Protein backbone atom coordinates (compact mmCIF):
# COMPACT_ATOMS: atom_id res chain seq x y z
CA MET A 1 9.15 21.79 12.18
CA ILE A 2 7.83 21.08 8.26
CA GLU A 3 10.49 20.79 6.80
CA ARG A 4 11.93 17.47 9.32
CA PHE A 5 8.69 16.39 8.77
CA GLN A 6 9.18 16.79 4.53
CA ASN A 7 12.61 15.37 5.15
CA TRP A 8 11.30 12.81 6.63
CA LEU A 9 8.18 11.58 4.22
CA GLU A 10 11.22 11.41 1.86
CA ARG A 11 12.81 8.58 2.85
CA PRO A 12 11.72 5.61 0.99
CA ASN A 13 11.38 3.65 3.32
CA VAL A 14 8.18 5.64 5.25
CA LEU A 15 7.09 6.59 1.98
CA ALA A 16 6.54 3.05 1.16
CA THR A 17 4.50 2.00 4.37
CA ALA A 18 2.27 5.87 4.47
CA LYS A 19 1.57 5.18 0.55
CA THR A 20 0.64 1.52 1.82
CA ILE A 21 -1.70 3.10 5.02
CA THR A 22 -3.19 5.81 2.38
CA TYR A 23 -3.91 3.13 -0.38
CA ARG A 24 -4.79 -0.04 2.31
CA ILE A 25 -7.72 3.03 3.76
CA VAL A 26 -9.20 3.21 -0.34
CA SER A 27 -8.91 0.01 -1.64
CA SER A 28 -10.32 -1.77 1.74
CA SER A 29 -13.69 0.85 1.10
CA THR A 30 -13.61 -0.49 -2.30
CA THR A 31 -14.14 -3.44 -1.38
CA PHE A 32 -16.29 -3.24 2.10
CA ILE A 33 -18.65 -1.68 -1.31
CA MET A 34 -18.94 -4.60 -3.77
CA MET A 35 -19.01 -7.38 -1.35
CA TYR A 36 -21.92 -6.05 0.53
CA PHE A 37 -23.40 -5.21 -2.87
CA PHE A 38 -22.31 -8.80 -4.30
CA THR A 39 -23.59 -10.67 -1.01
CA GLY A 40 -26.76 -9.67 -1.12
CA GLY A 41 -26.29 -6.73 1.68
CA ASN A 42 -24.79 -9.44 4.04
CA LEU A 43 -22.55 -7.12 6.96
CA LYS A 44 -20.85 -9.92 8.75
CA GLU A 45 -19.42 -11.64 5.19
CA SER A 46 -18.70 -8.18 3.79
CA GLY A 47 -17.06 -7.37 6.31
CA GLN A 48 -15.17 -10.63 7.27
CA ALA A 49 -13.81 -10.13 3.45
CA THR A 50 -12.48 -7.22 3.59
CA LEU A 51 -10.79 -8.45 6.88
CA ILE A 52 -9.32 -11.09 5.44
CA PHE A 53 -8.09 -8.50 2.34
CA ILE A 54 -6.84 -5.77 5.22
CA LEU A 55 -4.49 -8.59 7.29
CA TYR A 56 -2.79 -9.96 3.87
CA LYS A 57 -2.61 -7.14 1.23
CA PRO A 58 -0.60 -4.86 2.60
CA ILE A 59 2.32 -6.69 3.15
CA LEU A 60 1.77 -7.38 -0.39
CA PHE A 61 2.14 -3.86 -1.88
CA TRP A 62 4.75 -3.39 0.80
CA LEU A 63 6.85 -5.59 -0.56
CA HIS A 64 5.59 -4.99 -4.35
CA GLU A 65 6.26 -0.56 -3.43
CA ARG A 66 10.48 -2.57 -2.13
CA VAL A 67 11.19 -4.71 -5.43
CA TRP A 68 10.77 -1.81 -7.36
CA LEU A 69 12.71 0.46 -4.96
CA ILE A 70 15.33 -1.55 -5.47
CA TRP A 71 15.01 -2.41 -9.50
CA GLN A 72 15.59 1.58 -9.27
CA THR A 73 18.23 1.89 -7.47
CA LYS A 74 20.22 -0.54 -9.55
CA ARG A 75 19.10 0.86 -12.55
CA HIS A 76 20.02 3.96 -12.23
CA SER A 77 23.52 3.12 -9.94
CA THR A 78 24.00 0.86 -13.10
CA SER A 79 23.46 4.10 -16.04
CA GLU A 80 25.49 5.81 -14.01
CA VAL A 81 28.32 3.55 -14.22
CA MET A 82 28.34 3.31 -17.68
């Protein structure tokens, strides 16, 4: 069972998604803490800013990961031909 999960996790799409989620948790926590101090302890404004980042940054990160994966795949297939 563990081996099946590890095989599933090694799939590029799954790995990119898992990395996106874990990164988002760490990044959102940091954003909230920073915004809390920048707004002078205003929880509402800190929460609003964090929510905006939560909504759009995972999409940007996932796209970034996919571009790198495509670039690496093309680079490796080109080097095999040479």
